[in-house]
Amino acid sequence: MIRQFIALITLSVAVTAVSANTQNVTVSGSVINKSDSAGKASVNVGSTVGRVVGSNNTQTVVVNGSLINTASGGGKAAINLGSSVNYAGSNNQVVSVGTIVNSASGGGKSEVNIGSVVKD
């Protein structure tokens, strides 16, 4: 089964944050996040994922290009930009990047973390 998610502009902010948190995301290109053949692909941009974060959490992300993320054959691919993933502390993250291409296949793992706090 092929699962695809293609968006010209995606401004997605996870809603697990509590008061006094600010997330700003600007994407000038496209976001392509695709997985198939038991692959898992995820893109987190200016997001809080997996835990409720404390107050005073600020994330600002500017992407001047596109984000392309693919996973297949049991691979796991992730792009985390200015995000807090499975971490509950207060953070200030400012990220400005161009185009990012990330891919994993055959049970491999590929992860891009820029200006992010990531706890597995």
PDB file of N, CA and C in Angstrom:
ATOM      1  N   MET A   1       0.846  -1.180   0.000  1.00  0.00           N
ATOM      2  CA  MET A   1       0.000   0.000   0.000  1.00  0.00           C
ATOM      3  C   MET A   1       0.888   1.239   0.000  1.00  0.00           C
ATOM      4  N   ILE A   2       0.604   2.129  -0.867  1.00  0.00           N
ATOM      5  CA  ILE A   2       1.404   3.351  -0.974  1.00  0.00           C
ATOM      6  C   ILE A   2       0.690   4.478  -0.250  1.00  0.00           C
ATOM      7  N   ARG A   3       1.422   5.115   0.650  1.00  0.00           N
ATOM      8  CA  ARG A   3       0.881   6.264   1.374  1.00  0.00           C
ATOM      9  C   ARG A   3       1.667   7.488   0.936  1.00  0.00           C
ATOM     10  N   GLN A   4       0.970   8.485   0.495  1.00  0.00           N
ATOM     11  CA  GLN A   4       1.651   9.690   0.043  1.00  0.00           C
ATOM     12  C   GLN A   4       1.021  10.931   0.650  1.00  0.00           C
ATOM     13  N   PHE A   5       1.867  11.884   0.867  1.00  0.00           N
ATOM     14  CA  PHE A   5       1.391  13.193   1.283  1.00  0.00           C
ATOM     15  C   PHE A   5       2.215  14.219   0.537  1.00  0.00           C
ATOM     16  N   ILE A   6       1.570  14.957  -0.338  1.00  0.00           N
ATOM     17  CA  ILE A   6       2.272  15.984  -1.092  1.00  0.00           C
ATOM     18  C   ILE A   6       1.522  17.290  -0.884  1.00  0.00           C
ATOM     19  N   ALA A   7       2.248  18.319  -0.517  1.00  0.00           N
ATOM     20  CA  ALA A   7       1.622  19.619  -0.306  1.00  0.00           C
ATOM     21  C   ALA A   7       2.495  20.697  -0.910  1.00  0.00           C
ATOM     22  N   LEU A   8       1.888  21.691  -1.530  1.00  0.00           N
ATOM     23  CA  LEU A   8       2.667  22.799  -2.059  1.00  0.00           C
ATOM     24  C   LEU A   8       3.216  23.648  -0.931  1.00  0.00           C
ATOM     25  N   ILE A   9       2.386  23.935   0.036  1.00  0.00           N
ATOM     26  CA  ILE A   9       2.848  24.655   1.220  1.00  0.00           C
ATOM     27  C   ILE A   9       2.155  24.041   2.417  1.00  0.00           C
ATOM     28  N   THR A  10       2.946  23.601   3.372  1.00  0.00           N
ATOM     29  CA  THR A  10       2.377  23.006   4.570  1.00  0.00           C
ATOM     30  C   THR A  10       2.827  23.820   5.768  1.00  0.00           C
ATOM     31  N   LEU A  11       1.879  24.308   6.489  1.00  0.00           N
ATOM     32  CA  LEU A  11       2.166  25.018   7.723  1.00  0.00           C
ATOM     33  C   LEU A  11       1.465  24.246   8.824  1.00  0.00           C
ATOM     34  N   SER A  12       2.192  23.332   9.423  1.00  0.00           N
ATOM     35  CA  SER A  12       1.588  22.429  10.390  1.00  0.00           C
ATOM     36  C   SER A  12       2.253  22.622  11.737  1.00  0.00           C
ATOM     37  N   VAL A  13       1.458  22.823  12.731  1.00  0.00           N
ATOM     38  CA  VAL A  13       1.973  22.987  14.080  1.00  0.00           C
ATOM     39  C   VAL A  13       1.232  22.016  14.976  1.00  0.00           C
ATOM     40  N   ALA A  14       1.977  21.157  15.639  1.00  0.00           N
ATOM     41  CA  ALA A  14       1.344  20.216  16.559  1.00  0.00           C
ATOM     42  C   ALA A  14       0.738  20.983  17.719  1.00  0.00           C
ATOM     43  N   VAL A  15      -0.373  20.500  18.245  1.00  0.00           N
ATOM     44  CA  VAL A  15      -1.116  21.243  19.240  1.00  0.00           C
ATOM     45  C   VAL A  15      -0.876  20.706  20.645  1.00  0.00           C
ATOM     46  N   THR A  16       0.294  20.147  20.911  1.00  0.00           N
ATOM     47  CA  THR A  16       0.562  19.635  22.241  1.00  0.00           C
ATOM     48  C   THR A  16       1.186  20.692  23.152  1.00  0.00           C
ATOM     49  N   ALA A  17       1.389  21.887  22.662  1.00  0.00           N
ATOM     50  CA  ALA A  17       2.027  22.929  23.453  1.00  0.00           C
ATOM     51  C   ALA A  17       1.030  23.576  24.411  1.00  0.00           C
ATOM     52  N   VAL A  18       1.551  24.087  25.538  1.00  0.00           N
ATOM     53  CA  VAL A  18       0.714  24.794  26.500  1.00  0.00           C
ATOM     54  C   VAL A  18       0.969  26.287  26.377  1.00  0.00           C
ATOM     55  N   SER A  19       0.371  27.090  27.259  1.00  0.00           N
ATOM     56  CA  SER A  19       0.416  28.543  27.152  1.00  0.00           C
ATOM     57  C   SER A  19       1.827  29.097  27.029  1.00  0.00           C
ATOM     58  N   ALA A  20       1.922  30.313  26.465  1.00  0.00           N
ATOM     59  CA  ALA A  20       3.164  31.053  26.284  1.00  0.00           C
ATOM     60  C   ALA A  20       4.118  30.369  25.317  1.00  0.00           C
ATOM     61  N   ASN A  21       3.590  29.634  24.369  1.00  0.00           N
ATOM     62  CA  ASN A  21       4.397  28.999  23.337  1.00  0.00           C
ATOM     63  C   ASN A  21       4.063  29.615  21.990  1.00  0.00           C
ATOM     64  N   THR A  22       5.100  29.819  21.171  1.00  0.00           N
ATOM     65  CA  THR A  22       4.909  30.433  19.866  1.00  0.00           C
ATOM     66  C   THR A  22       5.655  29.634  18.809  1.00  0.00           C
ATOM     67  N   GLN A  23       4.959  29.299  17.738  1.00  0.00           N
ATOM     68  CA  GLN A  23       5.588  28.624  16.614  1.00  0.00           C
ATOM     69  C   GLN A  23       5.258  29.383  15.338  1.00  0.00           C
ATOM     70  N   ASN A  24       6.292  29.776  14.583  1.00  0.00           N
ATOM     71  CA  ASN A  24       6.121  30.473  13.310  1.00  0.00           C
ATOM     72  C   ASN A  24       6.873  29.707  12.237  1.00  0.00           C
ATOM     73  N   VAL A  25       6.188  29.376  11.146  1.00  0.00           N
ATOM     74  CA  VAL A  25       6.800  28.611  10.060  1.00  0.00           C
ATOM     75  C   VAL A  25       6.481  29.284   8.733  1.00  0.00           C
ATOM     76  N   THR A  26       7.512  29.467   7.900  1.00  0.00           N
ATOM     77  CA  THR A  26       7.334  29.983   6.548  1.00  0.00           C
ATOM     78  C   THR A  26       8.046  29.044   5.587  1.00  0.00           C
ATOM     79  N   VAL A  27       7.310  28.506   4.611  1.00  0.00           N
ATOM     80  CA  VAL A  27       7.894  27.626   3.598  1.00  0.00           C
ATOM     81  C   VAL A  27       7.645  28.263   2.239  1.00  0.00           C
ATOM     82  N   SER A  28       8.731  28.567   1.498  1.00  0.00           N
ATOM     83  CA  SER A  28       8.559  29.215   0.197  1.00  0.00           C
ATOM     84  C   SER A  28       8.499  28.213  -0.951  1.00  0.00           C
ATOM     85  N   GLY A  29       8.759  26.950  -0.682  1.00  0.00           N
ATOM     86  CA  GLY A  29       8.712  25.923  -1.727  1.00  0.00           C
ATOM     87  C   GLY A  29       7.667  24.884  -1.404  1.00  0.00           C
ATOM     88  N   SER A  30       7.963  23.646  -1.743  1.00  0.00           N
ATOM     89  CA  SER A  30       7.009  22.563  -1.511  1.00  0.00           C
ATOM     90  C   SER A  30       7.503  21.636  -0.411  1.00  0.00           C
ATOM     91  N   VAL A  31       6.578  20.874   0.142  1.00  0.00           N
ATOM     92  CA  VAL A  31       6.902  19.843   1.121  1.00  0.00           C
ATOM     93  C   VAL A  31       6.391  18.522   0.558  1.00  0.00           C
ATOM     94  N   ILE A  32       7.302  17.562   0.390  1.00  0.00           N
ATOM     95  CA  ILE A  32       6.925  16.238  -0.093  1.00  0.00           C
ATOM     96  C   ILE A  32       7.370  15.231   0.954  1.00  0.00           C
ATOM     97  N   ASN A  33       6.425  14.510   1.508  1.00  0.00           N
ATOM     98  CA  ASN A  33       6.687  13.500   2.532  1.00  0.00           C
ATOM     99  C   ASN A  33       6.007  12.221   2.063  1.00  0.00           C
ATOM    100  N   LYS A  34       6.790  11.196   1.704  1.00  0.00           N
ATOM    101  CA  LYS A  34       6.224  10.005   1.074  1.00  0.00           C
ATOM    102  C   LYS A  34       6.800   8.744   1.703  1.00  0.00           C
ATOM    103  N   SER A  35       5.926   7.778   1.975  1.00  0.00           N
ATOM    104  CA  SER A  35       6.399   6.472   2.434  1.00  0.00           C
ATOM    105  C   SER A  35       5.616   5.385   1.721  1.00  0.00           C
ATOM    106  N   ASP A  36       6.276   4.253   1.482  1.00  0.00           N
ATOM    107  CA  ASP A  36       5.612   3.092   0.907  1.00  0.00           C
ATOM    108  C   ASP A  36       6.364   1.831   1.327  1.00  0.00           C
ATOM    109  N   SER A  37       5.826   0.683   1.032  1.00  0.00           N
ATOM    110  CA  SER A  37       6.463  -0.608   1.346  1.00  0.00           C
ATOM    111  C   SER A  37       6.925  -0.691   2.798  1.00  0.00           C
ATOM    112  N   ALA A  38       6.052  -0.397   3.722  1.00  0.00           N
ATOM    113  CA  ALA A  38       6.324  -0.465   5.162  1.00  0.00           C
ATOM    114  C   ALA A  38       7.318   0.587   5.638  1.00  0.00           C
ATOM    115  N   GLY A  39       7.612   1.584   4.834  1.00  0.00           N
ATOM    116  CA  GLY A  39       8.481   2.676   5.266  1.00  0.00           C
ATOM    117  C   GLY A  39       7.729   3.655   6.148  1.00  0.00           C
ATOM    118  N   LYS A  40       8.479   4.463   6.892  1.00  0.00           N
ATOM    119  CA  LYS A  40       7.875   5.484   7.752  1.00  0.00           C
ATOM    120  C   LYS A  40       8.601   6.800   7.505  1.00  0.00           C
ATOM    121  N   ALA A  41       7.858   7.821   7.092  1.00  0.00           N
ATOM    122  CA  ALA A  41       8.435   9.132   6.821  1.00  0.00           C
ATOM    123  C   ALA A  41       7.712  10.182   7.653  1.00  0.00           C
ATOM    124  N   SER A  42       8.468  11.097   8.260  1.00  0.00           N
ATOM    125  CA  SER A  42       7.843  12.171   9.035  1.00  0.00           C
ATOM    126  C   SER A  42       8.610  13.471   8.843  1.00  0.00           C
ATOM    127  N   VAL A  43       7.864  14.568   8.817  1.00  0.00           N
ATOM    128  CA  VAL A  43       8.431  15.907   8.722  1.00  0.00           C
ATOM    129  C   VAL A  43       7.834  16.733   9.850  1.00  0.00           C
ATOM    130  N   ASN A  44       8.681  17.289  10.715  1.00  0.00           N
ATOM    131  CA  ASN A  44       8.250  18.166  11.805  1.00  0.00           C
ATOM    132  C   ASN A  44       8.952  19.507  11.622  1.00  0.00           C
ATOM    133  N   VAL A  45       8.178  20.547  11.395  1.00  0.00           N
ATOM    134  CA  VAL A  45       8.729  21.881  11.178  1.00  0.00           C
ATOM    135  C   VAL A  45       8.085  22.830  12.180  1.00  0.00           C
ATOM    136  N   GLY A  46       8.882  23.377  13.099  1.00  0.00           N
ATOM    137  CA  GLY A  46       8.342  24.279  14.112  1.00  0.00           C
ATOM    138  C   GLY A  46       7.273  23.620  14.946  1.00  0.00           C
ATOM    139  N   SER A  47       7.497  22.372  15.331  1.00  0.00           N
ATOM    140  CA  SER A  47       6.466  21.580  16.004  1.00  0.00           C
ATOM    141  C   SER A  47       6.908  21.111  17.379  1.00  0.00           C
ATOM    142  N   THR A  48       5.940  20.785  18.201  1.00  0.00           N
ATOM    143  CA  THR A  48       6.182  20.062  19.442  1.00  0.00           C
ATOM    144  C   THR A  48       5.473  18.730  19.292  1.00  0.00           C
ATOM    145  N   VAL A  49       6.222  17.645  19.405  1.00  0.00           N
ATOM    146  CA  VAL A  49       5.701  16.317  19.100  1.00  0.00           C
ATOM    147  C   VAL A  49       6.021  15.358  20.237  1.00  0.00           C
ATOM    148  N   GLY A  50       5.039  14.614  20.692  1.00  0.00           N
ATOM    149  CA  GLY A  50       5.290  13.524  21.631  1.00  0.00           C
ATOM    150  C   GLY A  50       5.176  13.860  23.104  1.00  0.00           C
ATOM    151  N   ARG A  51       5.327  15.100  23.487  1.00  0.00           N
ATOM    152  CA  ARG A  51       5.216  15.499  24.893  1.00  0.00           C
ATOM    153  C   ARG A  51       4.627  16.894  24.983  1.00  0.00           C
ATOM    154  N   VAL A  52       4.018  17.194  26.101  1.00  0.00           N
ATOM    155  CA  VAL A  52       3.561  18.555  26.361  1.00  0.00           C
ATOM    156  C   VAL A  52       4.778  19.345  26.820  1.00  0.00           C
ATOM    157  N   VAL A  53       5.076  20.441  26.139  1.00  0.00           N
ATOM    158  CA  VAL A  53       6.255  21.228  26.484  1.00  0.00           C
ATOM    159  C   VAL A  53       5.915  22.266  27.535  1.00  0.00           C
ATOM    160  N   GLY A  54       6.944  22.776  28.205  1.00  0.00           N
ATOM    161  CA  GLY A  54       6.747  23.818  29.207  1.00  0.00           C
ATOM    162  C   GLY A  54       6.449  25.153  28.553  1.00  0.00           C
ATOM    163  N   SER A  55       6.270  26.173  29.371  1.00  0.00           N
ATOM    164  CA  SER A  55       6.017  27.506  28.829  1.00  0.00           C
ATOM    165  C   SER A  55       7.321  28.082  28.286  1.00  0.00           C
ATOM    166  N   ASN A  56       7.220  29.230  27.632  1.00  0.00           N
ATOM    167  CA  ASN A  56       8.374  29.911  27.056  1.00  0.00           C
ATOM    168  C   ASN A  56       9.076  29.077  25.992  1.00  0.00           C
ATOM    169  N   ASN A  57       8.310  28.407  25.169  1.00  0.00           N
ATOM    170  CA  ASN A  57       8.838  27.621  24.065  1.00  0.00           C
ATOM    171  C   ASN A  57       8.586  28.407  22.781  1.00  0.00           C
ATOM    172  N   THR A  58       9.655  28.797  22.078  1.00  0.00           N
ATOM    173  CA  THR A  58       9.527  29.592  20.862  1.00  0.00           C
ATOM    174  C   THR A  58      10.268  28.915  19.719  1.00  0.00           C
ATOM    175  N   GLN A  59       9.581  28.729  18.608  1.00  0.00           N
ATOM    176  CA  GLN A  59      10.198  28.118  17.435  1.00  0.00           C
ATOM    177  C   GLN A  59       9.886  28.963  16.210  1.00  0.00           C
ATOM    178  N   THR A  60      10.923  29.350  15.479  1.00  0.00           N
ATOM    179  CA  THR A  60      10.768  30.116  14.250  1.00  0.00           C
ATOM    180  C   THR A  60      11.557  29.408  13.163  1.00  0.00           C
ATOM    181  N   VAL A  61      10.886  29.038  12.085  1.00  0.00           N
ATOM    182  CA  VAL A  61      11.536  28.297  11.001  1.00  0.00           C
ATOM    183  C   VAL A  61      11.202  28.949   9.668  1.00  0.00           C
ATOM    184  N   VAL A  62      12.241  29.191   8.863  1.00  0.00           N
ATOM    185  CA  VAL A  62      12.075  29.704   7.507  1.00  0.00           C
ATOM    186  C   VAL A  62      12.739  28.712   6.562  1.00  0.00           C
ATOM    187  N   VAL A  63      11.971  28.190   5.614  1.00  0.00           N
ATOM    188  CA  VAL A  63      12.506  27.275   4.608  1.00  0.00           C
ATOM    189  C   VAL A  63      12.436  27.990   3.262  1.00  0.00           C
ATOM    190  N   ASN A  64      13.605  28.343   2.722  1.00  0.00           N
ATOM    191  CA  ASN A  64      13.689  28.998   1.414  1.00  0.00           C
ATOM    192  C   ASN A  64      14.009  27.941   0.366  1.00  0.00           C
ATOM    193  N   GLY A  65      13.073  27.091   0.109  1.00  0.00           N
ATOM    194  CA  GLY A  65      13.257  25.982  -0.824  1.00  0.00           C
ATOM    195  C   GLY A  65      12.220  24.926  -0.520  1.00  0.00           C
ATOM    196  N   SER A  66      12.580  23.677  -0.782  1.00  0.00           N
ATOM    197  CA  SER A  66      11.648  22.568  -0.602  1.00  0.00           C
ATOM    198  C   SER A  66      12.177  21.558   0.400  1.00  0.00           C
ATOM    199  N   LEU A  67      11.266  20.810   1.003  1.00  0.00           N
ATOM    200  CA  LEU A  67      11.610  19.690   1.878  1.00  0.00           C
ATOM    201  C   LEU A  67      11.110  18.423   1.196  1.00  0.00           C
ATOM    202  N   ILE A  68      12.022  17.487   0.936  1.00  0.00           N
ATOM    203  CA  ILE A  68      11.664  16.233   0.278  1.00  0.00           C
ATOM    204  C   ILE A  68      12.136  15.100   1.171  1.00  0.00           C
ATOM    205  N   ASN A  69      11.215  14.270   1.619  1.00  0.00           N
ATOM    206  CA  ASN A  69      11.503  13.210   2.585  1.00  0.00           C
ATOM    207  C   ASN A  69      10.799  11.936   2.133  1.00  0.00           C
ATOM    208  N   THR A  70      11.547  10.841   1.933  1.00  0.00           N
ATOM    209  CA  THR A  70      10.940   9.588   1.483  1.00  0.00           C
ATOM    210  C   THR A  70      11.484   8.404   2.268  1.00  0.00           C
ATOM    211  N   ALA A  71      10.642   7.393   2.441  1.00  0.00           N
ATOM    212  CA  ALA A  71      11.046   6.149   3.103  1.00  0.00           C
ATOM    213  C   ALA A  71      10.368   4.986   2.398  1.00  0.00           C
ATOM    214  N   SER A  72      11.115   3.892   2.211  1.00  0.00           N
ATOM    215  CA  SER A  72      10.537   2.707   1.581  1.00  0.00           C
ATOM    216  C   SER A  72      11.220   1.456   2.117  1.00  0.00           C
ATOM    217  N   GLY A  73      10.604   0.309   1.878  1.00  0.00           N
ATOM    218  CA  GLY A  73      11.207  -0.964   2.249  1.00  0.00           C
ATOM    219  C   GLY A  73      11.536  -1.096   3.715  1.00  0.00           C
ATOM    220  N   GLY A  74      10.706  -0.561   4.580  1.00  0.00           N
ATOM    221  CA  GLY A  74      10.958  -0.637   6.013  1.00  0.00           C
ATOM    222  C   GLY A  74      11.905   0.429   6.531  1.00  0.00           C
ATOM    223  N   GLY A  75      12.331   1.343   5.671  1.00  0.00           N
ATOM    224  CA  GLY A  75      13.211   2.429   6.100  1.00  0.00           C
ATOM    225  C   GLY A  75      12.461   3.478   6.897  1.00  0.00           C
ATOM    226  N   LYS A  76      13.208   4.269   7.665  1.00  0.00           N
ATOM    227  CA  LYS A  76      12.617   5.340   8.471  1.00  0.00           C
ATOM    228  C   LYS A  76      13.359   6.632   8.153  1.00  0.00           C
ATOM    229  N   ALA A  77      12.633   7.630   7.641  1.00  0.00           N
ATOM    230  CA  ALA A  77      13.224   8.918   7.292  1.00  0.00           C
ATOM    231  C   ALA A  77      12.491  10.024   8.042  1.00  0.00           C
ATOM    232  N   ALA A  78      13.250  10.953   8.613  1.00  0.00           N
ATOM    233  CA  ALA A  78      12.640  12.050   9.369  1.00  0.00           C
ATOM    234  C   ALA A  78      13.397  13.341   9.115  1.00  0.00           C
ATOM    235  N   ILE A  79      12.652  14.432   9.008  1.00  0.00           N
ATOM    236  CA  ILE A  79      13.215  15.775   8.974  1.00  0.00           C
ATOM    237  C   ILE A  79      12.601  16.536  10.139  1.00  0.00           C
ATOM    238  N   ASN A  80      13.446  17.030  11.036  1.00  0.00           N
ATOM    239  CA  ASN A  80      13.013  17.825  12.188  1.00  0.00           C
ATOM    240  C   ASN A  80      13.713  19.177  12.113  1.00  0.00           C
ATOM    241  N   LEU A  81      12.963  20.234  11.889  1.00  0.00           N
ATOM    242  CA  LEU A  81      13.512  21.586  11.810  1.00  0.00           C
ATOM    243  C   LEU A  81      12.881  22.448  12.895  1.00  0.00           C
ATOM    244  N   GLY A  82      13.686  22.979  13.794  1.00  0.00           N
ATOM    245  CA  GLY A  82      13.164  23.851  14.842  1.00  0.00           C
ATOM    246  C   GLY A  82      12.052  23.211  15.625  1.00  0.00           C
ATOM    247  N   SER A  83      12.198  21.934  15.927  1.00  0.00           N
ATOM    248  CA  SER A  83      11.135  21.187  16.599  1.00  0.00           C
ATOM    249  C   SER A  83      11.608  20.600  17.918  1.00  0.00           C
ATOM    250  N   SER A  84      10.659  20.323  18.777  1.00  0.00           N
ATOM    251  CA  SER A  84      10.910  19.627  20.030  1.00  0.00           C
ATOM    252  C   SER A  84      10.196  18.282  19.935  1.00  0.00           C
ATOM    253  N   VAL A  85      10.978  17.194  19.848  1.00  0.00           N
ATOM    254  CA  VAL A  85      10.423  15.858  19.645  1.00  0.00           C
ATOM    255  C   VAL A  85      10.698  15.008  20.885  1.00  0.00           C
ATOM    256  N   ASN A  86       9.644  14.607  21.567  1.00  0.00           N
ATOM    257  CA  ASN A  86       9.735  13.786  22.783  1.00  0.00           C
ATOM    258  C   ASN A  86      10.580  14.442  23.873  1.00  0.00           C
ATOM    259  N   TYR A  87      10.521  15.770  23.961  1.00  0.00           N
ATOM    260  CA  TYR A  87      11.245  16.509  24.995  1.00  0.00           C
ATOM    261  C   TYR A  87      10.302  17.550  25.578  1.00  0.00           C
ATOM    262  N   ALA A  88      10.242  17.637  26.899  1.00  0.00           N
ATOM    263  CA  ALA A  88       9.254  18.492  27.555  1.00  0.00           C
ATOM    264  C   ALA A  88       9.810  19.816  28.063  1.00  0.00           C
ATOM    265  N   GLY A  89      11.063  20.126  27.822  1.00  0.00           N
ATOM    266  CA  GLY A  89      11.636  21.368  28.327  1.00  0.00           C
ATOM    267  C   GLY A  89      11.231  22.581  27.510  1.00  0.00           C
ATOM    268  N   SER A  90      11.597  23.778  27.998  1.00  0.00           N
ATOM    269  CA  SER A  90      11.349  25.018  27.271  1.00  0.00           C
ATOM    270  C   SER A  90      12.533  25.281  26.352  1.00  0.00           C
ATOM    271  N   ASN A  91      12.256  25.686  25.118  1.00  0.00           N
ATOM    272  CA  ASN A  91      13.306  25.866  24.123  1.00  0.00           C
ATOM    273  C   ASN A  91      13.062  27.112  23.293  1.00  0.00           C
ATOM    274  N   ASN A  92      14.145  27.686  22.773  1.00  0.00           N
ATOM    275  CA  ASN A  92      14.072  28.753  21.784  1.00  0.00           C
ATOM    276  C   ASN A  92      14.882  28.293  20.586  1.00  0.00           C
ATOM    277  N   GLN A  93      14.218  28.137  19.451  1.00  0.00           N
ATOM    278  CA  GLN A  93      14.883  27.652  18.256  1.00  0.00           C
ATOM    279  C   GLN A  93      14.584  28.577  17.092  1.00  0.00           C
ATOM    280  N   VAL A  94      15.631  28.964  16.363  1.00  0.00           N
ATOM    281  CA  VAL A  94      15.478  29.772  15.159  1.00  0.00           C
ATOM    282  C   VAL A  94      16.264  29.070  14.061  1.00  0.00           C
ATOM    283  N   VAL A  95      15.593  28.737  12.959  1.00  0.00           N
ATOM    284  CA  VAL A  95      16.216  27.978  11.879  1.00  0.00           C
ATOM    285  C   VAL A  95      15.872  28.621  10.546  1.00  0.00           C
ATOM    286  N   SER A  96      16.875  28.764   9.683  1.00  0.00           N
ATOM    287  CA  SER A  96      16.657  29.222   8.316  1.00  0.00           C
ATOM    288  C   SER A  96      17.464  28.313   7.401  1.00  0.00           C
ATOM    289  N   VAL A  97      16.791  27.616   6.492  1.00  0.00           N
ATOM    290  CA  VAL A  97      17.464  26.648   5.623  1.00  0.00           C
ATOM    291  C   VAL A  97      16.971  26.782   4.190  1.00  0.00           C
ATOM    292  N   GLY A  98      17.708  26.148   3.288  1.00  0.00           N
ATOM    293  CA  GLY A  98      17.292  26.023   1.895  1.00  0.00           C
ATOM    294  C   GLY A  98      16.655  24.669   1.694  1.00  0.00           C
ATOM    295  N   THR A  99      16.816  24.103   0.518  1.00  0.00           N
ATOM    296  CA  THR A  99      16.228  22.810   0.187  1.00  0.00           C
ATOM    297  C   THR A  99      16.917  21.679   0.943  1.00  0.00           C
ATOM    298  N   ILE A 100      16.120  20.722   1.440  1.00  0.00           N
ATOM    299  CA  ILE A 100      16.639  19.529   2.120  1.00  0.00           C
ATOM    300  C   ILE A 100      16.012  18.307   1.469  1.00  0.00           C
ATOM    301  N   VAL A 101      16.864  17.324   1.111  1.00  0.00           N
ATOM    302  CA  VAL A 101      16.402  16.056   0.553  1.00  0.00           C
ATOM    303  C   VAL A 101      16.895  14.947   1.470  1.00  0.00           C
ATOM    304  N   ASN A 102      15.993  14.073   1.924  1.00  0.00           N
ATOM    305  CA  ASN A 102      16.318  12.997   2.860  1.00  0.00           C
ATOM    306  C   ASN A 102      15.589  11.735   2.429  1.00  0.00           C
ATOM    307  N   SER A 103      16.272  10.573   2.519  1.00  0.00           N
ATOM    308  CA  SER A 103      15.651   9.327   2.085  1.00  0.00           C
ATOM    309  C   SER A 103      16.233   8.151   2.853  1.00  0.00           C
ATOM    310  N   ALA A 104      15.397   7.139   3.119  1.00  0.00           N
ATOM    311  CA  ALA A 104      15.841   5.898   3.762  1.00  0.00           C
ATOM    312  C   ALA A 104      15.126   4.732   3.100  1.00  0.00           C
ATOM    313  N   SER A 105      15.833   3.600   2.980  1.00  0.00           N
ATOM    314  CA  SER A 105      15.214   2.408   2.396  1.00  0.00           C
ATOM    315  C   SER A 105      15.854   1.154   2.975  1.00  0.00           C
ATOM    316  N   GLY A 106      15.218   0.012   2.728  1.00  0.00           N
ATOM    317  CA  GLY A 106      15.785  -1.272   3.125  1.00  0.00           C
ATOM    318  C   GLY A 106      16.028  -1.427   4.606  1.00  0.00           C
ATOM    319  N   GLY A 107      15.177  -0.871   5.437  1.00  0.00           N
ATOM    320  CA  GLY A 107      15.337  -0.981   6.883  1.00  0.00           C
ATOM    321  C   GLY A 107      16.306   0.026   7.473  1.00  0.00           C
ATOM    322  N   GLY A 108      16.873   0.889   6.639  1.00  0.00           N
ATOM    323  CA  GLY A 108      17.800   1.909   7.123  1.00  0.00           C
ATOM    324  C   GLY A 108      17.081   3.068   7.791  1.00  0.00           C
ATOM    325  N   LYS A 109      17.856   3.925   8.453  1.00  0.00           N
ATOM    326  CA  LYS A 109      17.298   5.091   9.136  1.00  0.00           C
ATOM    327  C   LYS A 109      18.093   6.315   8.713  1.00  0.00           C
ATOM    328  N   SER A 110      17.392   7.354   8.301  1.00  0.00           N
ATOM    329  CA  SER A 110      18.021   8.610   7.940  1.00  0.00           C
ATOM    330  C   SER A 110      17.244   9.739   8.594  1.00  0.00           C
ATOM    331  N   GLU A 111      17.956  10.573   9.343  1.00  0.00           N
ATOM    332  CA  GLU A 111      17.287  11.629  10.097  1.00  0.00           C
ATOM    333  C   GLU A 111      18.061  12.926   9.948  1.00  0.00           C
ATOM    334  N   VAL A 112      17.347  14.016   9.662  1.00  0.00           N
ATOM    335  CA  VAL A 112      17.928  15.348   9.585  1.00  0.00           C
ATOM    336  C   VAL A 112      17.358  16.156  10.740  1.00  0.00           C
ATOM    337  N   ASN A 113      18.221  16.624  11.639  1.00  0.00           N
ATOM    338  CA  ASN A 113      17.807  17.441  12.779  1.00  0.00           C
ATOM    339  C   ASN A 113      18.567  18.754  12.723  1.00  0.00           C
ATOM    340  N   ILE A 114      17.861  19.847  12.525  1.00  0.00           N
ATOM    341  CA  ILE A 114      18.486  21.165  12.496  1.00  0.00           C
ATOM    342  C   ILE A 114      17.730  22.058  13.470  1.00  0.00           C
ATOM    343  N   GLY A 115      18.431  22.563  14.479  1.00  0.00           N
ATOM    344  CA  GLY A 115      17.802  23.431  15.474  1.00  0.00           C
ATOM    345  C   GLY A 115      16.693  22.746  16.232  1.00  0.00           C
ATOM    346  N   SER A 116      16.810  21.436  16.427  1.00  0.00           N
ATOM    347  CA  SER A 116      15.762  20.661  17.096  1.00  0.00           C
ATOM    348  C   SER A 116      16.297  19.978  18.340  1.00  0.00           C
ATOM    349  N   VAL A 117      15.401  19.699  19.268  1.00  0.00           N
ATOM    350  CA  VAL A 117      15.701  18.879  20.432  1.00  0.00           C
ATOM    351  C   VAL A 117      14.953  17.573  20.217  1.00  0.00           C
ATOM    352  N   VAL A 118      15.692  16.469  20.051  1.00  0.00           N
ATOM    353  CA  VAL A 118      15.076  15.182  19.727  1.00  0.00           C
ATOM    354  C   VAL A 118      15.526  14.135  20.734  1.00  0.00           C
ATOM    355  N   LYS A 119      14.576  13.509  21.397  1.00  0.00           N
ATOM    356  CA  LYS A 119      14.851  12.407  22.325  1.00  0.00           C
ATOM    357  C   LYS A 119      14.140  11.179  21.794  1.00  0.00           C
ATOM    358  N   ASP A 120      14.878  10.085  21.573  1.00  0.00           N
ATOM    359  CA  ASP A 120      14.254   8.837  21.086  1.00  0.00           C
ATOM    360  C   ASP A 120      13.610   8.083  22.209  1.00  0.00           C
TER     361      ASP A 120
END
